[in-house]
Amino acid sequence: MMFCTECGKDVRDDAWFCPSCGKALRAKDEGTQPAKEAPGEDQPEATEEQPEPDPGPHAQEAPEPSPAIYETAREGAAHQMAAESAASEPPPAAPEETEPEVPPVAPAPTAAASVPRPVVPPAPEPVIGPIPTPTDRPTPPPAAPMAQQPPTPTPPPSQQPPTIPPTAPPTPPAGEAPAPGKGGGGKWCLIGCGILLVLGILAAIAFALIGRWASKQADGLPESVTNQLEIWEPDGDAPANAEGEGGSLAERLGEAAQGLSTAVSGAQIEGFEPTSVDAALLPTFYGFMIALADDSPHGMYAWMSPQYKEEWSPESWTVAENLEHVSYVLSEQTPVGEDTMQFSITETVRTKDTGEESDLDWIIEFKKINNQWYVTDFE
């Protein structure tokens, strides 16, 4: 038997309402239980325990719990098992966090109540399922791959023409001599250039000497030309005048031709190689040797250095009119220092009267001063 909490009348155990006052008995009993949440929803763990109602003064005289209390406990256990099975299933989505609903607290019975209220056992703690983690959230389906572009056609590699390795010219056998005209071309070219250089220098010196001699001869010619000729009478004391002075002019032209021949022969030195010395030395060398062959002290003096001109004078040279130059032969060529060359030359001369030939040995030293070659010693 149960008691109505409103009027205190006896009520049957299976009654839902009080027959006297109409109080809902079953709803009151179930109202003390916490509201069950839908399965799959997370329920926060209760942080505070519900305070037990203070039993009234007649709590010791409370009757034993009725079978409805056990029925209510069985229903709570069934709800708990349903919640556990729902928690074991994967949640469809992360639920929004909601504040837990606090179950209403039953008002404490007042002292005026004559009938004590049955003690209701505490509701079982709700089971909280696992909180879904970011990895438990459903992942969106992978995006469809983009349409691949067709591959760009690669042009075929260009073929380069085959390279032909250079082939060395065939070497003649060891015992076979090279054909004439094919080897030594560079040597003959140098020799030809040297000969042309020597001939050009000789021509320039010869024209210079001829011009100088012609200038001197022109200074000695009379200002007016007469047709008188000087004829020596065998028995006369004085020459007779006749028209013309062509005899002396012809004689002078012959001397000029002889001087040119001497200059050309003076520039021919046997055994001398022009390419063996500095090219700037050649004008001084050939100019001095031609003046020596012509037996001209003033010509030799022109090629001497300023210091050596103070030691050597053209007046100290004796001209041998009875001797004529024949040839030169280079005996020795010796470099002395960095810019000095010494030559030992043998000159062959001929006596005009008898035609006898003799040799004269000369030692001539050339030195480069301020990029110009001079004769610095002569003996």
Protein backbone atom coordinates (compact mmCIF):
# COMPACT_ATOMS: atom_id res chain seq x y z
CA MET A 1 0.00 0.00 0.00
CA MET A 2 1.09 3.57 -0.72
CA PHE A 3 0.13 6.83 0.84
CA CYS A 4 -0.91 9.92 -1.06
CA THR A 5 1.47 12.73 -0.42
CA GLU A 6 -1.31 15.26 -0.77
CA CYS A 7 -4.09 13.96 1.43
CA GLY A 8 -2.39 11.02 3.20
CA LYS A 9 -5.01 8.47 2.15
CA ASP A 10 -4.17 4.87 1.45
CA VAL A 11 -3.71 4.17 -2.23
CA ARG A 12 -3.27 0.90 -4.07
CA ASP A 13 0.17 0.04 -5.34
CA ASP A 14 -0.90 -0.03 -9.00
CA ALA A 15 -2.94 3.19 -8.78
CA TRP A 16 -1.94 6.13 -10.91
CA PHE A 17 -4.06 8.77 -9.18
CA CYS A 18 -5.25 9.29 -5.65
CA PRO A 19 -8.97 8.38 -5.47
CA SER A 20 -9.59 11.01 -2.81
CA CYS A 21 -7.79 14.15 -4.06
CA GLY A 22 -6.82 13.13 -7.62
CA LYS A 23 -3.10 13.60 -7.07
CA ALA A 24 -0.94 11.94 -9.75
CA LEU A 25 1.06 9.36 -7.89
CA ARG A 26 3.04 7.69 -10.71
CA ALA A 27 4.13 10.96 -12.23
CA LYS A 28 5.28 12.17 -8.86
CA ASP A 29 7.38 9.07 -8.35
CA GLU A 30 8.89 9.32 -11.80
CA GLY A 31 9.47 13.03 -11.43
CA THR A 32 12.12 12.37 -8.85
CA GLN A 33 14.09 10.53 -11.57
CA PRO A 34 16.30 12.69 -13.86
CA ALA A 35 15.04 13.15 -17.39
CA LYS A 36 16.53 10.62 -19.78
CA GLU A 37 18.28 12.11 -22.74
CA ALA A 38 17.93 10.75 -26.17
CA PRO A 39 20.42 8.03 -27.04
CA GLY A 40 23.57 9.25 -28.74
CA GLU A 41 23.65 12.57 -26.89
CA ASP A 42 26.49 13.22 -24.52
CA GLN A 43 25.45 13.97 -20.96
CA PRO A 44 27.90 15.86 -18.79
CA GLU A 45 29.03 14.15 -15.69
CA ALA A 46 27.31 15.42 -12.62
CA THR A 47 29.74 17.45 -10.60
CA GLU A 48 27.59 17.77 -7.53
CA GLU A 49 25.66 15.12 -5.75
CA GLN A 50 22.03 15.76 -5.05
CA PRO A 51 21.55 16.57 -1.41
CA GLU A 52 19.51 13.95 0.25
CA PRO A 53 16.32 15.29 1.70
CA ASP A 54 16.32 15.61 5.37
CA PRO A 55 13.99 13.01 6.69
CA GLY A 56 11.24 14.24 8.81
CA PRO A 57 10.72 13.43 12.40
CA HIS A 58 8.80 10.34 11.42
CA ALA A 59 11.52 8.99 9.07
CA GLN A 60 12.31 6.12 11.36
CA GLU A 61 8.75 4.97 11.15
CA ALA A 62 8.77 4.92 7.30
CA PRO A 63 7.36 1.75 5.87
CA GLU A 64 9.29 -0.54 3.63
CA PRO A 65 9.56 0.56 -0.03
CA SER A 66 6.75 -0.55 -2.19
CA PRO A 67 7.12 -2.68 -5.32
CA ALA A 68 6.71 0.47 -7.42
CA ILE A 69 10.12 1.61 -6.29
CA TYR A 70 11.71 -1.56 -7.60
CA GLU A 71 9.78 -1.19 -10.83
CA THR A 72 11.14 2.31 -11.18
CA ALA A 73 14.70 1.05 -10.57
CA ARG A 74 14.24 -1.59 -13.28
CA GLU A 75 13.10 1.05 -15.71
CA GLY A 76 16.19 3.17 -14.86
CA ALA A 77 18.46 0.16 -15.44
CA ALA A 78 16.78 -0.47 -18.82
CA HIS A 79 17.30 3.14 -19.78
CA GLN A 80 20.97 2.88 -18.70
CA MET A 81 21.52 -0.19 -20.87
CA ALA A 82 19.88 1.58 -23.81
CA ALA A 83 22.18 4.56 -23.25
CA GLU A 84 25.29 2.31 -23.16
CA SER A 85 24.28 0.56 -26.40
CA ALA A 86 23.66 3.92 -28.03
CA ALA A 87 27.05 5.19 -26.80
CA SER A 88 28.85 2.19 -28.29
CA GLU A 89 27.55 3.08 -31.75
CA PRO A 90 29.57 5.80 -33.58
CA PRO A 91 27.82 9.15 -33.32
CA PRO A 92 26.65 10.59 -36.65
CA ALA A 93 28.03 14.00 -35.94
CA ALA A 94 29.59 16.00 -33.17
CA PRO A 95 26.70 17.16 -31.01
CA GLU A 96 26.57 20.64 -29.75
CA GLU A 97 27.49 21.02 -26.15
CA THR A 98 24.47 21.78 -24.07
CA GLU A 99 24.27 22.62 -20.49
CA PRO A 100 23.17 19.67 -18.42
CA GLU A 101 19.65 19.84 -17.14
CA VAL A 102 19.53 19.93 -13.41
CA PRO A 103 16.76 17.65 -12.18
CA PRO A 104 14.24 19.37 -10.03
CA VAL A 105 14.84 18.99 -6.35
CA ALA A 106 11.92 17.63 -4.46
CA PRO A 107 10.80 19.97 -1.73
CA ALA A 108 11.68 18.82 1.70
CA PRO A 109 8.69 17.60 3.65
CA THR A 110 7.47 19.96 6.24
CA ALA A 111 6.98 19.17 9.81
CA ALA A 112 3.26 19.59 9.34
CA ALA A 113 3.06 16.48 7.20
CA SER A 114 1.52 13.78 9.26
CA VAL A 115 2.46 10.91 7.01
CA PRO A 116 6.18 10.43 6.18
CA ARG A 117 7.14 10.23 2.50
CA PRO A 118 8.78 7.08 1.26
CA VAL A 119 12.54 7.33 0.73
CA VAL A 120 13.41 7.39 -2.97
CA PRO A 121 16.77 5.84 -3.88
CA PRO A 122 19.23 8.17 -5.69
CA ALA A 123 19.08 8.04 -9.43
CA PRO A 124 21.91 6.22 -11.16
CA GLU A 125 24.63 8.42 -12.60
CA PRO A 126 24.24 8.91 -16.31
CA VAL A 127 26.80 7.21 -18.48
CA ILE A 128 28.70 9.64 -20.63
CA GLY A 129 29.82 8.31 -23.96
CA PRO A 130 33.22 9.07 -25.46
CA ILE A 131 33.65 12.60 -26.66
CA PRO A 132 34.16 12.53 -30.40
CA THR A 133 37.61 13.65 -31.46
CA PRO A 134 38.41 15.56 -34.68
CA THR A 135 39.56 12.28 -36.21
CA ASP A 136 36.10 10.72 -35.56
CA ARG A 137 34.39 13.33 -37.63
CA PRO A 138 33.33 12.14 -41.05
CA THR A 139 35.89 13.14 -43.63
CA PRO A 140 34.60 14.73 -46.80
CA PRO A 141 34.87 12.58 -49.91
CA PRO A 142 38.01 13.23 -51.95
CA ALA A 143 37.61 15.73 -54.69
CA ALA A 144 37.39 14.37 -58.15
CA PRO A 145 40.75 14.54 -59.92
CA MET A 146 41.10 17.30 -62.44
CA ALA A 147 41.06 16.36 -66.03
CA GLN A 148 44.59 15.73 -67.15
CA GLN A 149 45.79 17.79 -70.03
CA PRO A 150 47.03 15.85 -73.01
CA PRO A 151 50.84 15.66 -73.03
CA THR A 152 52.57 18.16 -75.26
CA PRO A 153 54.19 16.38 -78.19
CA THR A 154 57.97 16.56 -77.96
CA PRO A 155 59.71 17.42 -81.25
CA PRO A 156 62.16 14.78 -82.38
CA PRO A 157 65.81 15.64 -81.64
CA SER A 158 67.56 17.28 -84.53
CA GLN A 159 70.24 15.18 -86.06
CA GLN A 160 73.58 16.91 -86.32
CA PRO A 161 75.81 16.15 -89.28
CA PRO A 162 78.54 13.70 -88.40
CA THR A 163 81.83 15.35 -87.58
CA ILE A 164 84.83 14.14 -89.47
CA PRO A 165 87.93 13.94 -87.24
CA PRO A 166 90.91 15.83 -88.63
CA THR A 167 93.41 13.57 -90.22
CA ALA A 168 97.10 14.25 -89.99
CA PRO A 169 99.01 14.45 -93.28
CA PRO A 170 100.72 11.21 -94.13
CA THR A 171 104.32 11.13 -93.04
CA PRO A 172 106.80 10.01 -95.68
CA PRO A 173 108.94 6.97 -94.95
CA ALA A 174 112.12 7.50 -92.98
CA GLY A 175 114.40 6.80 -95.90
CA GLU A 176 112.48 8.93 -98.40
CA ALA A 177 113.60 12.54 -98.84
CA PRO A 178 110.92 15.25 -99.13
CA ALA A 179 109.97 16.26 -102.63
CA PRO A 180 111.64 19.46 -103.86
CA GLY A 181 109.53 22.57 -103.57
CA LYS A 182 107.32 21.18 -100.75
CA GLY A 183 109.55 21.64 -97.69
CA GLY A 184 111.47 24.63 -96.36
CA GLY A 185 109.07 27.20 -97.83
CA GLY A 186 109.28 29.41 -94.76
CA LYS A 187 113.09 29.46 -94.89
CA TRP A 188 113.19 30.52 -98.53
CA CYS A 189 110.57 33.18 -97.82
CA LEU A 190 112.74 34.68 -95.07
CA ILE A 191 115.80 34.60 -97.30
CA GLY A 192 113.90 36.34 -100.10
CA CYS A 193 112.62 39.02 -97.74
CA GLY A 194 116.15 39.60 -96.45
CA ILE A 195 117.51 39.98 -99.98
CA LEU A 196 114.77 42.44 -100.92
CA LEU A 197 115.45 44.44 -97.75
CA VAL A 198 119.17 44.62 -98.50
CA LEU A 199 118.55 45.69 -102.09
CA GLY A 200 116.14 48.39 -100.95
CA ILE A 201 118.66 49.76 -98.44
CA LEU A 202 121.42 49.71 -101.05
CA ALA A 203 119.26 51.54 -103.55
CA ALA A 204 118.36 54.21 -100.99
CA ILE A 205 122.00 54.72 -100.00
CA ALA A 206 123.12 54.83 -103.62
CA PHE A 207 120.54 57.45 -104.53
CA ALA A 208 121.54 59.49 -101.48
CA LEU A 209 125.23 59.40 -102.45
CA ILE A 210 124.47 60.25 -106.06
CA GLY A 211 122.29 63.15 -104.98
CA ARG A 212 124.97 64.46 -102.64
CA TRP A 213 127.66 64.14 -105.30
CA ALA A 214 125.48 65.78 -107.94
CA SER A 215 124.82 68.67 -105.57
CA LYS A 216 128.53 69.20 -105.02
CA GLN A 217 129.23 69.01 -108.73
CA ALA A 218 126.48 71.48 -109.48
CA ASP A 219 128.04 73.96 -107.07
CA GLY A 220 131.32 73.81 -109.02
CA LEU A 221 129.82 74.33 -112.47
CA PRO A 222 130.05 77.82 -114.01
CA GLU A 223 126.97 79.94 -114.02
CA SER A 224 127.17 80.47 -117.81
CA VAL A 225 128.11 77.84 -120.35
CA THR A 226 130.60 78.75 -123.04
CA ASN A 227 131.63 76.91 -126.15
CA GLN A 228 135.37 77.43 -125.61
CA LEU A 229 137.71 74.44 -125.30
CA GLU A 230 141.16 74.58 -123.76
CA ILE A 231 143.64 72.99 -126.14
CA TRP A 232 147.21 72.61 -124.99
CA GLU A 233 149.73 73.34 -127.69
CA PRO A 234 152.85 71.19 -127.62
CA ASP A 235 155.11 74.21 -127.98
CA GLY A 236 152.86 76.76 -126.38
CA ASP A 237 153.09 78.13 -122.88
CA ALA A 238 149.39 78.59 -122.29
CA PRO A 239 146.32 76.65 -123.27
CA ALA A 240 144.32 77.84 -126.23
CA ASN A 241 140.66 78.49 -125.71
CA ALA A 242 138.22 76.58 -127.84
CA GLU A 243 134.48 76.17 -127.71
CA GLY A 244 133.00 73.70 -125.12
CA GLU A 245 134.03 72.21 -121.75
CA GLY A 246 132.57 68.78 -122.34
CA GLY A 247 135.77 66.93 -121.41
CA SER A 248 135.64 67.74 -117.68
CA LEU A 249 131.90 66.92 -117.47
CA ALA A 250 132.37 63.50 -119.04
CA GLU A 251 135.20 62.81 -116.64
CA ARG A 252 133.01 63.70 -113.69
CA LEU A 253 130.19 61.46 -114.91
CA GLY A 254 132.67 58.61 -115.14
CA GLU A 255 133.75 59.21 -111.57
CA ALA A 256 130.10 59.15 -110.46
CA ALA A 257 129.52 55.82 -112.16
CA GLN A 258 132.65 54.43 -110.55
CA GLY A 259 131.44 55.68 -107.11
CA LEU A 260 128.09 53.94 -107.62
CA SER A 261 129.85 50.70 -108.47
CA THR A 262 131.99 51.06 -105.36
CA ALA A 263 128.87 51.67 -103.23
CA VAL A 264 127.18 48.56 -104.57
CA SER A 265 130.26 46.41 -103.99
CA GLY A 266 130.74 47.95 -100.54
CA ALA A 267 127.27 46.81 -99.51
CA GLN A 268 128.04 43.21 -100.46
CA ILE A 269 129.62 41.60 -97.38
CA GLU A 270 130.31 37.91 -97.72
CA GLY A 271 129.16 35.84 -94.72
CA PHE A 272 126.88 38.51 -93.24
CA GLU A 273 123.25 37.52 -92.57
CA PRO A 274 120.97 40.58 -92.22
CA THR A 275 118.37 38.62 -90.24
CA SER A 276 120.92 37.86 -87.49
CA VAL A 277 120.97 41.45 -86.20
CA ASP A 278 118.47 44.13 -85.24
CA ALA A 279 116.75 45.61 -88.30
CA ALA A 280 117.42 49.13 -86.96
CA LEU A 281 121.18 48.42 -87.20
CA LEU A 282 121.18 47.75 -90.97
CA PRO A 283 121.09 51.39 -92.24
CA THR A 284 124.03 52.41 -90.01
CA PHE A 285 125.96 49.23 -90.82
CA TYR A 286 125.62 49.45 -94.61
CA GLY A 287 126.10 53.25 -94.68
CA PHE A 288 129.40 53.05 -92.82
CA MET A 289 130.70 50.11 -94.88
CA ILE A 290 129.91 51.91 -98.18
CA ALA A 291 131.69 55.05 -96.94
CA LEU A 292 134.70 52.92 -95.96
CA ALA A 293 134.75 51.23 -99.38
CA ASP A 294 134.56 54.66 -101.05
CA ASP A 295 137.43 55.86 -98.81
CA SER A 296 135.29 58.84 -97.67
CA PRO A 297 136.21 60.08 -94.17
CA HIS A 298 133.28 62.51 -94.05
CA GLY A 299 130.88 59.72 -94.98
CA MET A 300 132.23 57.54 -92.15
CA TYR A 301 132.10 60.48 -89.75
CA ALA A 302 128.36 60.92 -90.39
CA TRP A 303 127.58 57.48 -88.89
CA MET A 304 129.60 57.91 -85.68
CA SER A 305 128.12 58.63 -82.26
CA PRO A 306 128.39 62.16 -80.78
CA GLN A 307 130.92 60.98 -78.17
CA TYR A 308 133.07 59.18 -80.75
CA LYS A 309 133.03 62.22 -83.07
CA GLU A 310 134.94 64.10 -80.37
CA GLU A 311 137.72 61.48 -80.55
CA TRP A 312 137.85 60.86 -84.31
CA SER A 313 138.30 63.58 -86.94
CA PRO A 314 137.99 63.29 -90.76
CA GLU A 315 141.21 65.34 -91.14
CA SER A 316 143.17 62.59 -89.43
CA TRP A 317 142.23 60.14 -92.19
CA THR A 318 144.57 59.78 -95.17
CA VAL A 319 142.83 59.05 -98.45
CA ALA A 320 144.61 56.38 -100.55
CA GLU A 321 143.90 57.51 -104.08
CA ASN A 322 145.94 54.69 -105.60
CA LEU A 323 143.77 51.97 -104.00
CA GLU A 324 140.32 50.77 -104.96
CA HIS A 325 137.88 48.57 -103.06
CA VAL A 326 137.35 44.97 -104.23
CA SER A 327 135.29 43.03 -101.61
CA TYR A 328 134.37 42.51 -97.95
CA VAL A 329 134.43 39.24 -95.97
CA LEU A 330 132.90 38.94 -92.48
CA SER A 331 135.41 37.17 -90.24
CA GLU A 332 133.56 37.33 -86.88
CA GLN A 333 130.37 38.77 -85.43
CA THR A 334 130.27 39.10 -81.61
CA PRO A 335 127.55 40.63 -79.39
CA VAL A 336 129.12 42.71 -76.59
CA GLY A 337 126.60 43.50 -73.89
CA GLU A 338 122.91 44.03 -74.52
CA ASP A 339 122.98 46.77 -77.19
CA THR A 340 126.49 46.46 -78.63
CA MET A 341 127.74 44.49 -81.67
CA GLN A 342 131.34 44.05 -82.80
CA PHE A 343 132.31 42.98 -86.33
CA SER A 344 135.69 41.77 -87.62
CA ILE A 345 135.76 42.38 -91.40
CA THR A 346 138.52 41.77 -93.94
CA GLU A 347 138.62 44.19 -96.89
CA THR A 348 140.38 43.33 -100.16
CA VAL A 349 141.81 46.31 -102.07
CA ARG A 350 143.56 46.58 -105.43
CA THR A 351 146.37 48.89 -106.48
CA LYS A 352 145.34 50.87 -109.53
CA ASP A 353 148.79 50.98 -111.12
CA THR A 354 149.89 47.39 -110.74
CA GLY A 355 146.60 45.61 -110.11
CA GLU A 356 147.95 43.85 -107.06
CA GLU A 357 145.44 42.95 -104.32
CA SER A 358 145.96 43.05 -100.58
CA ASP A 359 143.83 42.56 -97.42
CA LEU A 360 143.01 45.05 -94.68
CA ASP A 361 141.50 43.94 -91.32
CA TRP A 362 138.96 46.20 -89.64
CA ILE A 363 137.31 45.98 -86.20
CA ILE A 364 134.14 48.05 -86.09
CA GLU A 365 131.89 48.43 -83.03
CA PHE A 366 128.23 49.50 -83.22
CA LYS A 367 126.17 50.55 -80.18
CA LYS A 368 122.48 51.39 -79.71
CA ILE A 369 121.96 54.79 -78.03
CA ASN A 370 118.43 56.16 -77.57
CA ASN A 371 117.01 53.63 -80.05
CA GLN A 372 119.57 54.67 -82.68
CA TRP A 373 122.66 52.67 -83.74
CA TYR A 374 126.03 54.47 -84.05
CA VAL A 375 129.68 53.57 -84.71
CA THR A 376 131.44 53.85 -81.34
CA ASP A 377 134.87 52.35 -82.24
CA PHE A 378 136.80 51.85 -85.48
CA GLU A 379 140.35 50.61 -86.04
